Amino acid sequence: MSDPGTAKRRQKTQRQWREYRTVRGQRPVKKFLDDLTDEEAAEIVAGMKDVVSHGLSAARHLHNDVYEVRAEASTRSFRLLFATEGRYNHVLLSLSVFEKRTQKTPQGEITLAQERLKDWRSRGSAKKKAASSQKRHKKNPDA
């Protein structure tokens, strides 16, 4: 019989996808997927599910924190660039997706993914600082 606490921890750290959003709330990956055929979008989603199930071994490391999911539709190939986030790397953050037309991943796509990741992290740390400041102010309102 397994320990219920172990099962709860395992459930908490299950990998899940989140999508990058711009400061204005735009969702570039979703917009790209919405413009694809059902078959093409399904292939990309299947690649994403492989990463959830098998971890980073189902992806290819590109540069620093950026990884790539490969998806092959019947007539076109796609790549989704992502990074892992969270305390246990359980958040898979989709950063960019594009149609593959060359042998190597274009440097511009890698740079775009890195810039989006930097933006995501800077906005996340700003939220944490604001929340921390509010907590301190509530504890000591005279400060």
C-alpha atoms as a PDB file:
ATOM      1  CA  MET A   1       0.000   0.000   0.000  1.00  0.00           C
ATOM      2  CA  SER A   2       1.433   3.363  -0.979  1.00  0.00           C
ATOM      3  CA  ASP A   3       1.744   6.380   1.266  1.00  0.00           C
ATOM      4  CA  PRO A   4      -1.070   8.893   0.510  1.00  0.00           C
ATOM      5  CA  GLY A   5       1.367  11.780   1.021  1.00  0.00           C
ATOM      6  CA  THR A   6       3.635  10.423  -1.726  1.00  0.00           C
ATOM      7  CA  ALA A   7       0.715  10.188  -4.137  1.00  0.00           C
ATOM      8  CA  LYS A   8      -0.313  13.749  -3.299  1.00  0.00           C
ATOM      9  CA  ARG A   9       3.213  15.084  -3.918  1.00  0.00           C
ATOM     10  CA  ARG A  10       3.404  13.174  -7.214  1.00  0.00           C
ATOM     11  CA  GLN A  11       0.074  14.648  -8.279  1.00  0.00           C
ATOM     12  CA  LYS A  12       1.215  18.170  -7.378  1.00  0.00           C
ATOM     13  CA  THR A  13       4.341  17.931  -9.519  1.00  0.00           C
ATOM     14  CA  GLN A  14       2.661  16.497 -12.614  1.00  0.00           C
ATOM     15  CA  ARG A  15       3.810  18.387 -15.684  1.00  0.00           C
ATOM     16  CA  GLN A  16       1.359  20.779 -17.270  1.00  0.00           C
ATOM     17  CA  TRP A  17       1.462  23.172 -20.196  1.00  0.00           C
ATOM     18  CA  ARG A  18       1.012  26.911 -19.849  1.00  0.00           C
ATOM     19  CA  GLU A  19       1.238  29.381 -22.646  1.00  0.00           C
ATOM     20  CA  TYR A  20       3.233  32.553 -22.840  1.00  0.00           C
ATOM     21  CA  ARG A  21       1.089  35.688 -22.876  1.00  0.00           C
ATOM     22  CA  THR A  22       2.289  39.103 -23.870  1.00  0.00           C
ATOM     23  CA  VAL A  23       1.923  42.086 -21.535  1.00  0.00           C
ATOM     24  CA  ARG A  24      -1.307  42.885 -23.386  1.00  0.00           C
ATOM     25  CA  GLY A  25      -2.631  39.358 -22.945  1.00  0.00           C
ATOM     26  CA  GLN A  26      -2.046  38.146 -26.489  1.00  0.00           C
ATOM     27  CA  ARG A  27      -1.380  34.427 -26.918  1.00  0.00           C
ATOM     28  CA  PRO A  28       0.982  33.982 -29.894  1.00  0.00           C
ATOM     29  CA  VAL A  29       1.194  30.175 -29.715  1.00  0.00           C
ATOM     30  CA  LYS A  30      -2.581  29.776 -29.519  1.00  0.00           C
ATOM     31  CA  LYS A  31      -3.026  32.205 -32.418  1.00  0.00           C
ATOM     32  CA  PHE A  32      -0.638  30.141 -34.553  1.00  0.00           C
ATOM     33  CA  LEU A  33      -2.377  26.861 -33.636  1.00  0.00           C
ATOM     34  CA  ASP A  34      -5.806  28.331 -34.395  1.00  0.00           C
ATOM     35  CA  ASP A  35      -4.674  29.023 -37.976  1.00  0.00           C
ATOM     36  CA  LEU A  36      -3.625  25.393 -38.616  1.00  0.00           C
ATOM     37  CA  THR A  37      -5.707  22.513 -39.918  1.00  0.00           C
ATOM     38  CA  ASP A  38      -7.141  20.164 -37.299  1.00  0.00           C
ATOM     39  CA  GLU A  39      -4.614  17.486 -38.279  1.00  0.00           C
ATOM     40  CA  GLU A  40      -1.639  19.850 -37.965  1.00  0.00           C
ATOM     41  CA  ALA A  41      -2.769  21.200 -34.595  1.00  0.00           C
ATOM     42  CA  ALA A  42      -3.412  17.641 -33.374  1.00  0.00           C
ATOM     43  CA  GLU A  43       0.159  16.623 -34.255  1.00  0.00           C
ATOM     44  CA  ILE A  44       1.589  19.519 -32.253  1.00  0.00           C
ATOM     45  CA  VAL A  45      -0.686  18.725 -29.293  1.00  0.00           C
ATOM     46  CA  ALA A  46       0.379  15.060 -29.489  1.00  0.00           C
ATOM     47  CA  GLY A  47       4.032  16.166 -29.223  1.00  0.00           C
ATOM     48  CA  MET A  48       3.149  18.300 -26.216  1.00  0.00           C
ATOM     49  CA  LYS A  49       1.432  15.321 -24.563  1.00  0.00           C
ATOM     50  CA  ASP A  50       4.571  13.236 -25.114  1.00  0.00           C
ATOM     51  CA  VAL A  51       6.564  15.759 -23.093  1.00  0.00           C
ATOM     52  CA  VAL A  52       3.962  15.649 -20.293  1.00  0.00           C
ATOM     53  CA  SER A  53       4.176  11.846 -20.231  1.00  0.00           C
ATOM     54  CA  HIS A  54       7.895  11.292 -20.813  1.00  0.00           C
ATOM     55  CA  GLY A  55       9.509  14.525 -19.681  1.00  0.00           C
ATOM     56  CA  LEU A  56      12.335  16.299 -21.431  1.00  0.00           C
ATOM     57  CA  SER A  57      13.539  13.059 -23.011  1.00  0.00           C
ATOM     58  CA  ALA A  58      10.676  13.556 -25.505  1.00  0.00           C
ATOM     59  CA  ALA A  59      12.079  16.953 -26.493  1.00  0.00           C
ATOM     60  CA  ARG A  60      15.307  18.292 -27.909  1.00  0.00           C
ATOM     61  CA  HIS A  61      17.439  20.778 -25.969  1.00  0.00           C
ATOM     62  CA  LEU A  62      18.249  23.823 -28.092  1.00  0.00           C
ATOM     63  CA  HIS A  63      19.911  26.539 -26.033  1.00  0.00           C
ATOM     64  CA  ASN A  64      20.056  27.429 -22.325  1.00  0.00           C
ATOM     65  CA  ASP A  65      16.515  26.817 -21.002  1.00  0.00           C
ATOM     66  CA  VAL A  66      14.839  26.417 -24.396  1.00  0.00           C
ATOM     67  CA  TYR A  67      13.671  23.034 -25.682  1.00  0.00           C
ATOM     68  CA  GLU A  68      11.927  21.943 -28.869  1.00  0.00           C
ATOM     69  CA  VAL A  69       8.976  19.631 -29.554  1.00  0.00           C
ATOM     70  CA  ARG A  70       8.835  18.197 -33.056  1.00  0.00           C
ATOM     71  CA  ALA A  71       5.565  17.599 -34.878  1.00  0.00           C
ATOM     72  CA  GLU A  72       5.189  16.067 -38.322  1.00  0.00           C
ATOM     73  CA  ALA A  73       1.874  16.557 -40.112  1.00  0.00           C
ATOM     74  CA  SER A  74       1.184  14.901 -43.474  1.00  0.00           C
ATOM     75  CA  THR A  75       2.492  17.807 -45.567  1.00  0.00           C
ATOM     76  CA  ARG A  76       4.331  20.136 -43.159  1.00  0.00           C
ATOM     77  CA  SER A  77       6.621  19.971 -40.126  1.00  0.00           C
ATOM     78  CA  PHE A  78       6.341  22.172 -37.052  1.00  0.00           C
ATOM     79  CA  ARG A  79       8.423  22.999 -34.008  1.00  0.00           C
ATOM     80  CA  LEU A  80       7.198  24.278 -30.661  1.00  0.00           C
ATOM     81  CA  LEU A  81       9.784  25.961 -28.442  1.00  0.00           C
ATOM     82  CA  PHE A  82       9.273  25.849 -24.689  1.00  0.00           C
ATOM     83  CA  ALA A  83      10.971  26.106 -21.307  1.00  0.00           C
ATOM     84  CA  THR A  84      10.397  24.430 -17.972  1.00  0.00           C
ATOM     85  CA  GLU A  85       9.374  26.567 -15.028  1.00  0.00           C
ATOM     86  CA  GLY A  86       8.354  26.072 -11.432  1.00  0.00           C
ATOM     87  CA  ARG A  87      10.046  24.637  -8.405  1.00  0.00           C
ATOM     88  CA  TYR A  88      10.042  21.112  -9.832  1.00  0.00           C
ATOM     89  CA  ASN A  89      10.170  22.092 -13.525  1.00  0.00           C
ATOM     90  CA  HIS A  90       6.578  20.923 -13.734  1.00  0.00           C
ATOM     91  CA  VAL A  91       5.345  23.884 -15.788  1.00  0.00           C
ATOM     92  CA  LEU A  92       6.008  23.557 -19.503  1.00  0.00           C
ATOM     93  CA  LEU A  93       5.811  27.077 -20.891  1.00  0.00           C
ATOM     94  CA  SER A  94       5.110  27.239 -24.629  1.00  0.00           C
ATOM     95  CA  LEU A  95       7.011  30.198 -26.044  1.00  0.00           C
ATOM     96  CA  SER A  96       6.959  29.955 -29.829  1.00  0.00           C
ATOM     97  CA  VAL A  97       5.745  27.689 -32.620  1.00  0.00           C
ATOM     98  CA  PHE A  98       6.632  27.786 -36.303  1.00  0.00           C
ATOM     99  CA  GLU A  99       6.632  25.796 -39.508  1.00  0.00           C
ATOM    100  CA  LYS A 100       9.973  24.101 -40.055  1.00  0.00           C
ATOM    101  CA  ARG A 101      11.448  24.968 -43.429  1.00  0.00           C
ATOM    102  CA  THR A 102      15.184  24.524 -42.873  1.00  0.00           C
ATOM    103  CA  GLN A 103      17.457  21.838 -41.452  1.00  0.00           C
ATOM    104  CA  LYS A 104      18.455  23.882 -38.395  1.00  0.00           C
ATOM    105  CA  THR A 105      16.127  25.742 -36.055  1.00  0.00           C
ATOM    106  CA  PRO A 106      16.334  29.408 -37.141  1.00  0.00           C
ATOM    107  CA  GLN A 107      18.313  31.523 -34.682  1.00  0.00           C
ATOM    108  CA  GLY A 108      15.564  34.161 -34.825  1.00  0.00           C
ATOM    109  CA  GLU A 109      13.063  31.664 -33.396  1.00  0.00           C
ATOM    110  CA  ILE A 110      15.429  30.689 -30.580  1.00  0.00           C
ATOM    111  CA  THR A 111      16.072  34.362 -29.793  1.00  0.00           C
ATOM    112  CA  LEU A 112      12.333  35.085 -29.786  1.00  0.00           C
ATOM    113  CA  ALA A 113      11.733  32.207 -27.358  1.00  0.00           C
ATOM    114  CA  GLN A 114      14.535  33.436 -25.078  1.00  0.00           C
ATOM    115  CA  GLU A 115      13.155  36.983 -25.106  1.00  0.00           C
ATOM    116  CA  ARG A 116       9.663  35.735 -24.244  1.00  0.00           C
ATOM    117  CA  LEU A 117      11.045  33.589 -21.436  1.00  0.00           C
ATOM    118  CA  LYS A 118      12.984  36.556 -20.045  1.00  0.00           C
ATOM    119  CA  ASP A 119       9.818  38.683 -20.216  1.00  0.00           C
ATOM    120  CA  TRP A 120       7.750  35.955 -18.506  1.00  0.00           C
ATOM    121  CA  ARG A 121      10.272  35.597 -15.708  1.00  0.00           C
ATOM    122  CA  SER A 122      10.668  39.333 -15.159  1.00  0.00           C
ATOM    123  CA  ARG A 123       6.909  39.803 -14.861  1.00  0.00           C
ATOM    124  CA  GLY A 124       6.721  36.828 -12.501  1.00  0.00           C
ATOM    125  CA  SER A 125       9.448  38.169 -10.232  1.00  0.00           C
ATOM    126  CA  ALA A 126       7.789  41.611 -10.229  1.00  0.00           C
ATOM    127  CA  LYS A 127       4.529  39.992  -9.035  1.00  0.00           C
ATOM    128  CA  LYS A 128       6.393  38.125  -6.288  1.00  0.00           C
ATOM    129  CA  LYS A 129       8.086  41.323  -5.101  1.00  0.00           C
ATOM    130  CA  ALA A 130       4.754  43.171  -5.026  1.00  0.00           C
ATOM    131  CA  ALA A 131       3.089  40.345  -3.078  1.00  0.00           C
ATOM    132  CA  SER A 132       5.997  40.209  -0.632  1.00  0.00           C
ATOM    133  CA  SER A 133       5.817  43.963  -0.134  1.00  0.00           C
ATOM    134  CA  GLN A 134       2.082  43.767   0.564  1.00  0.00           C
ATOM    135  CA  LYS A 135       2.629  41.012   3.150  1.00  0.00           C
ATOM    136  CA  ARG A 136       5.283  43.082   4.937  1.00  0.00           C
ATOM    137  CA  HIS A 137       3.026  46.128   4.919  1.00  0.00           C
ATOM    138  CA  LYS A 138       0.134  44.140   6.425  1.00  0.00           C
ATOM    139  CA  LYS A 139       2.375  42.822   9.223  1.00  0.00           C
ATOM    140  CA  ASN A 140       3.812  46.249  10.001  1.00  0.00           C
ATOM    141  CA  PRO A 141       1.491  48.992   8.680  1.00  0.00           C
ATOM    142  CA  ASP A 142       3.551  51.760  10.331  1.00  0.00           C
ATOM    143  CA  ALA A 143       6.658  50.911   8.273  1.00  0.00           C
END
